[in-house]
Protein backbone atom coordinates (compact mmCIF):
# COMPACT_ATOMS: atom_id res chain seq x y z
CA UNK A 1 0.30 0.21 0.06
CA UNK A 2 0.96 3.79 -1.07
CA UNK A 3 0.29 5.87 1.51
CA UNK A 4 1.54 9.18 1.35
CA UNK A 5 1.30 12.50 4.25
CA UNK A 6 0.18 16.35 4.27
CA UNK A 7 1.59 18.68 6.59
CA UNK A 8 4.74 15.50 7.81
CA UNK A 9 7.34 17.98 9.47
CA UNK A 10 4.34 18.59 12.20
CA UNK A 11 2.92 16.51 15.45
CA UNK A 12 0.70 14.53 14.31
CA UNK A 13 2.54 14.01 10.44
CA UNK A 14 5.86 13.24 12.24
CA UNK A 15 4.35 10.76 14.40
CA UNK A 16 2.96 9.09 11.34
CA UNK A 17 6.16 8.77 9.25
CA UNK A 18 7.97 7.57 12.88
CA UNK A 19 4.84 4.69 12.83
CA UNK A 20 4.85 3.59 9.53
CA UNK A 21 8.17 4.57 7.38
CA UNK A 22 9.50 0.57 8.46
CA UNK A 23 6.38 -1.32 7.91
CA UNK A 24 7.18 -3.23 4.38
CA UNK A 25 3.24 -3.18 3.90
CA UNK A 26 3.85 0.71 3.41
CA UNK A 27 5.71 2.71 0.43
CA UNK A 28 5.18 5.88 2.16
CA UNK A 29 5.81 9.62 0.30
CA UNK A 30 5.77 12.76 3.86
CA UNK A 31 5.05 15.93 2.15
CA UNK A 32 5.09 19.02 4.05
CA UNK A 33 6.12 22.65 3.39
CA UNK A 34 9.89 23.56 3.14
CA UNK A 35 12.08 21.14 4.10
CA UNK A 36 12.06 17.54 5.70
CA UNK A 37 12.66 18.36 9.75
CA UNK A 38 12.24 14.38 10.65
CA UNK A 39 16.55 14.38 9.91
CA UNK A 40 16.60 11.10 12.19
CA UNK A 41 14.59 8.77 10.12
CA UNK A 42 14.49 7.17 6.60
CA UNK A 43 13.43 4.76 4.49
CA UNK A 44 10.33 6.74 2.94
CA UNK A 45 10.17 9.79 0.49
CA UNK A 46 10.43 13.24 1.07
CA UNK A 47 8.32 15.76 -1.15
CA UNK A 48 8.19 19.56 -0.62
CA UNK A 49 4.09 20.39 -0.85
CA UNK A 50 2.60 23.55 -0.17
CA UNK A 51 -1.15 22.47 -0.04
CA UNK A 52 -2.24 26.42 -0.73
CA UNK A 53 -0.89 25.46 -4.60
CA UNK A 54 -3.76 23.00 -6.09
CA UNK A 55 -1.49 22.81 -9.16
CA UNK A 56 0.87 21.24 -7.04
CA UNK A 57 -0.81 18.96 -4.81
CA UNK A 58 -2.34 17.63 -8.23
CA UNK A 59 1.50 17.49 -9.12
CA UNK A 60 2.66 15.38 -5.99
CA UNK A 61 -1.12 13.30 -6.15
CA UNK A 62 -0.54 12.47 -9.69
CA UNK A 63 3.20 11.78 -9.09
CA UNK A 64 3.18 9.06 -6.39
CA UNK A 65 -0.42 8.88 -7.31
CA UNK A 66 -0.47 7.24 -3.54
CA UNK A 67 -3.42 4.49 -2.56
CA UNK A 68 -4.15 6.76 0.10
CA UNK A 69 -3.99 9.95 1.26
CA UNK A 70 -3.19 11.37 5.50
CA UNK A 71 -4.29 14.76 5.36
CA UNK A 72 -2.50 16.12 8.29
CA UNK A 73 -1.50 19.96 7.03
CA UNK A 74 -4.01 22.76 8.84
CA UNK A 75 -4.28 26.09 10.22
CA UNK A 76 -5.48 24.68 13.97
CA UNK A 77 -4.49 28.63 15.91
CA UNK A 78 -7.70 29.18 16.80
CA UNK A 79 -7.20 32.36 17.09
CA UNK A 80 -5.04 33.19 14.31
CA UNK A 81 -7.92 32.01 12.21
CA UNK A 82 -10.58 34.32 13.89
CA UNK A 83 -7.64 37.29 12.70
CA UNK A 84 -7.02 35.36 9.11
CA UNK A 85 -10.12 34.08 8.08
CA UNK A 86 -9.19 34.20 4.17
CA UNK A 87 -5.71 32.30 4.48
CA UNK A 88 -7.48 29.86 7.58
CA UNK A 89 -10.47 29.53 4.54
CA UNK A 90 -7.72 28.91 2.16
CA UNK A 91 -5.20 25.95 4.14
CA UNK A 92 -8.18 24.30 5.44
CA UNK A 93 -11.21 24.28 3.27
CA UNK A 94 -9.32 25.49 -0.15
CA UNK A 95 -6.94 23.23 0.03
CA UNK A 96 -8.74 20.05 0.44
CA UNK A 97 -11.52 20.74 -2.36
CA UNK A 98 -7.94 20.73 -4.99
CA UNK A 99 -7.36 16.59 -2.59
CA UNK A 100 -10.81 15.84 -2.62
CA UNK A 101 -10.24 16.26 -6.93
CA UNK A 102 -7.10 14.98 -7.25
CA UNK A 103 -7.66 11.87 -4.77
CA UNK A 104 -11.08 11.14 -7.18
CA UNK A 105 -8.87 11.03 -9.69
CA UNK A 106 -6.83 8.69 -9.05
CA UNK A 107 -8.89 6.58 -7.43
CA UNK A 108 -7.10 7.67 -3.50
CA UNK A 109 -8.54 7.14 0.05
CA UNK A 110 -8.85 10.49 1.54
CA UNK A 111 -8.51 9.41 5.70
CA UNK A 112 -9.00 13.91 6.78
CA UNK A 113 -8.08 14.99 10.79
CA UNK A 114 -10.81 17.26 11.53
CA UNK A 115 -11.46 18.30 15.03
CA UNK A 116 -14.14 18.85 17.83
CA UNK A 117 -14.02 22.78 17.27
CA UNK A 118 -17.06 21.72 14.75
CA UNK A 119 -19.68 21.31 17.82
CA UNK A 120 -20.64 24.63 20.48
CA UNK A 121 -19.89 22.28 23.88
CA UNK A 122 -23.44 22.40 24.57
CA UNK A 123 -23.41 18.66 25.78
CA UNK A 124 -20.35 16.89 24.55
CA UNK A 125 -18.99 14.67 25.15
CA UNK A 126 -19.96 13.74 21.62
CA UNK A 127 -21.05 10.63 18.65
CA UNK A 128 -20.18 11.17 15.49
CA UNK A 129 -23.72 11.48 14.84
CA UNK A 130 -24.24 14.69 16.90
CA UNK A 131 -25.27 17.99 15.20
CA UNK A 132 -22.22 20.06 14.53
CA UNK A 133 -22.89 23.99 15.74
CA UNK A 134 -19.02 25.05 15.38
CA UNK A 135 -18.64 28.64 17.07
CA UNK A 136 -15.36 30.11 15.72
CA UNK A 137 -13.96 30.29 12.33
CA UNK A 138 -11.82 28.10 12.77
CA UNK A 139 -14.93 25.49 13.49
CA UNK A 140 -16.41 26.72 11.19
CA UNK A 141 -14.03 26.15 7.75
CA UNK A 142 -12.85 22.46 9.02
CA UNK A 143 -16.77 21.51 8.76
CA UNK A 144 -16.68 23.04 6.03
CA UNK A 145 -14.03 21.06 5.12
CA UNK A 146 -16.14 17.30 5.97
CA UNK A 147 -18.82 18.25 3.67
CA UNK A 148 -16.66 18.93 0.53
CA UNK A 149 -15.72 14.70 2.09
CA UNK A 150 -19.35 14.40 2.96
CA UNK A 151 -20.43 15.58 -0.88
CA UNK A 152 -17.85 13.91 -3.41
CA UNK A 153 -17.90 10.30 -4.74
CA UNK A 154 -14.12 9.46 -2.64
CA UNK A 155 -13.63 7.04 -0.44
CA UNK A 156 -13.46 8.89 2.91
CA UNK A 157 -12.35 8.98 5.99
CA UNK A 158 -12.90 11.63 8.74
CA UNK A 159 -11.47 11.45 11.82
CA UNK A 160 -11.94 14.37 14.44
CA UNK A 161 -9.73 14.58 16.94
CA UNK A 162 -9.14 17.00 20.11
CA UNK A 163 -7.00 18.76 22.52
CA UNK A 164 -3.54 16.52 20.81
CA UNK A 165 -0.67 16.30 23.03
CA UNK A 166 3.03 14.74 22.40
CA UNK A 167 6.72 15.57 20.83
CA UNK A 168 8.64 15.54 18.33
CA UNK A 169 11.45 17.29 16.80
CA UNK A 170 12.22 20.91 16.03
CA UNK A 171 8.88 21.74 17.03
CA UNK A 172 8.00 25.51 16.96
CA UNK A 173 4.88 24.53 19.64
CA UNK A 174 5.12 23.36 22.83
CA UNK A 175 1.92 21.00 24.16
CA UNK A 176 -0.34 21.30 27.47
CA UNK A 177 2.00 18.69 29.33
CA UNK A 178 5.53 19.86 28.85
CA UNK A 179 4.22 23.32 29.56
CA UNK A 180 2.00 22.99 32.65
CA UNK A 181 4.79 21.28 34.33
CA UNK A 182 7.62 23.62 33.04
CA UNK A 183 5.60 26.08 34.64
CA UNK A 184 4.96 24.42 37.76
CA UNK A 185 8.19 23.42 38.03
CA UNK A 186 9.15 27.41 37.57
CA UNK A 187 6.44 28.16 40.31
CA UNK A 188 4.64 30.27 38.38
CA UNK A 189 0.63 31.06 38.99
CA UNK A 190 -1.43 29.63 36.82
CA UNK A 191 -5.10 30.70 35.64
CA UNK A 192 -6.41 27.64 34.46
CA UNK A 193 -10.35 27.05 32.81
CA UNK A 194 -12.47 24.98 35.11
CA UNK A 195 -14.96 25.26 32.80
CA UNK A 196 -13.62 23.57 29.33
CA UNK A 197 -14.23 19.31 29.61
CA UNK A 198 -11.83 17.45 26.94
CA UNK A 199 -10.60 13.55 26.12
CA UNK A 200 -7.03 14.78 25.84
CA UNK A 201 -5.17 12.42 23.05
CA UNK A 202 -2.11 11.65 22.87
CA UNK A 203 -0.58 12.46 19.53
CA UNK A 204 1.01 8.70 18.96
CA UNK A 205 -2.83 7.05 19.64
CA UNK A 206 -4.38 9.58 16.55
CA UNK A 207 -1.55 8.41 14.86
CA UNK A 208 -3.09 5.29 15.32
CA UNK A 209 -6.16 6.22 14.38
CA UNK A 210 -4.65 7.58 11.00
CA UNK A 211 -3.13 4.42 10.50
CA UNK A 212 -5.82 1.62 11.05
CA UNK A 213 -8.44 4.14 8.95
CA UNK A 214 -6.24 4.52 6.21
CA UNK A 215 -5.08 0.18 6.15
CA UNK A 216 -9.13 -0.51 6.44
CA UNK A 217 -9.75 1.91 3.56
CA UNK A 218 -13.03 3.27 6.62
CA UNK A 219 -15.32 4.62 5.37
CA UNK A 220 -17.53 7.47 7.60
CA UNK A 221 -16.59 9.52 10.83
CA UNK A 222 -14.62 8.58 13.24
CA UNK A 223 -14.03 9.86 17.06
CA UNK A 224 -10.47 9.11 17.28
CA UNK A 225 -9.32 10.90 21.33
CA UNK A 226 -8.17 9.63 24.11
CA UNK A 227 -10.69 7.66 26.35
CA UNK A 228 -10.02 9.99 29.74
CA UNK A 229 -12.52 13.28 30.47
CA UNK A 230 -11.94 15.72 32.36
CA UNK A 231 -11.78 19.97 32.75
CA UNK A 232 -8.69 21.67 31.40
CA UNK A 233 -8.04 22.53 35.39
CA UNK A 234 -8.09 18.73 36.26
CA UNK A 235 -5.63 17.52 33.31
CA UNK A 236 -3.11 20.66 34.98
CA UNK A 237 -3.31 18.90 38.12
CA UNK A 238 -3.23 15.16 36.66
CA UNK A 239 -0.07 16.84 35.27
CA UNK A 240 1.35 18.54 38.62
CA UNK A 241 0.44 14.83 40.48
CA UNK A 242 2.24 12.50 38.03
CA UNK A 243 5.51 15.04 38.68
CA UNK A 244 4.81 15.25 42.49
CA UNK A 245 4.30 19.13 41.71
CA UNK A 246 2.28 21.56 44.24
CA UNK A 247 -1.26 22.42 42.72
CA UNK A 248 -1.12 25.45 45.13
CA UNK A 249 0.02 27.38 41.98
CA UNK A 250 -2.68 26.34 40.08
CA UNK A 251 -5.82 29.04 40.05
CA UNK A 252 -9.40 27.88 38.06
CA UNK A 253 -11.31 30.78 36.38
CA UNK A 254 -13.49 30.69 33.85
CA UNK A 255 -13.46 31.49 29.92
CA UNK A 256 -15.10 34.79 29.82
CA UNK A 257 -12.34 35.85 32.05
CA UNK A 258 -9.73 34.92 29.30
CA UNK A 259 -11.09 37.25 26.36
CA UNK A 260 -9.80 35.04 23.76
CA UNK A 261 -10.38 35.92 20.22
CA UNK A 262 -12.03 33.30 18.99
CA UNK A 263 -14.88 31.07 21.30
CA UNK A 264 -14.41 27.37 22.37
CA UNK A 265 -16.74 25.48 23.23
CA UNK A 266 -16.86 24.39 26.69
CA UNK A 267 -18.32 20.52 27.44
CA UNK A 268 -16.70 19.22 24.74
CA UNK A 269 -13.81 15.62 24.31
CA UNK A 270 -16.31 12.46 22.83
CA UNK A 271 -17.23 9.33 22.50
CA UNK A 272 -14.94 6.78 21.06
CA UNK A 273 -17.00 3.45 21.20
CA UNK A 274 -17.35 3.39 17.40
CA UNK A 275 -13.67 3.49 17.02
CA UNK A 276 -12.34 0.75 19.10
CA UNK A 277 -15.47 -1.40 17.71
CA UNK A 278 -15.30 -0.88 14.27
CA UNK A 279 -11.35 -0.17 14.09
CA UNK A 280 -9.70 -1.71 16.88
CA UNK A 281 -8.63 1.40 18.26
CA UNK A 282 -7.13 1.34 22.00
CA UNK A 283 -5.45 4.52 23.33
CA UNK A 284 -3.64 5.12 25.93
CA UNK A 285 -4.72 6.64 29.39
CA UNK A 286 -3.68 10.18 29.77
CA UNK A 287 -0.88 8.98 32.91
CA UNK A 288 0.54 6.37 29.73
CA UNK A 289 0.81 9.52 27.64
CA UNK A 290 2.07 11.71 30.08
CA UNK A 291 4.79 9.03 30.46
CA UNK A 292 5.57 9.13 27.24
CA UNK A 293 5.41 12.24 26.23
CA UNK A 294 8.36 12.98 29.26
CA UNK A 295 10.36 9.19 28.41
CA UNK A 296 10.85 11.35 24.30
CA UNK A 297 11.64 14.55 25.80
CA UNK A 298 13.69 13.51 27.59
CA UNK A 299 15.46 11.00 24.97
CA UNK A 300 15.64 13.88 23.01
CA UNK A 301 17.22 16.24 25.37
């Protein structure tokens, strides 16, 4: 099976390359904007690709003719999407339209990543069949991309996920686990929202969900997240407890005090029974995820 990944320089993209590069059943093509960041891994083909360039997408798909495309590239900074709506739409919707057309032409299955931010957070955790109602422009763009797949004649999987954390090479952004650990070790006062609920997702688990969907050419929508449901405050407290750090530096606050540009869903998170039963998806516990992240972080240092 020939699998092409978009966004291979990102967190999920790198986890997919690491998981697939030695798979004898997979011929792997990794694509991303600019040079390949994953220098420590070999055994795959790398091709630069800007997903906002429709002509380039067609050229790459025609050149490599993958059986499956796993599309991880996107603009995901929620407040930036609110400020830069044209760019957000170009990256999150127009690029998907190009991919849908290109994959249809070569008969490729498209695995597309989506988000809990397509929901309003009124009554999570959510099933795959829940009614979408995004609050932010980011959420609206991701829902529009989902509809492009659903309205196409393409073979597709939509994998929705929640609050992904992990660590990889040359990352420009930290993640919530490492950030919380570092801030608490420095005895910084942390104001953490206690009214937003999530099912945080280990990047390795999300990558595994993508691979399961790709190899099975799974049809439909799947929730791929962690199984542990918690508030963001509880998440940070569980990080503190894991490392024996002082929870006294954590102050719970409501989302309304943060003055964020884009609205976030409050009661979010996913029910993952469908992915467990149909795909064989089996995520780590949150504490197992913390342990894996720290093992990798310490090895990288």
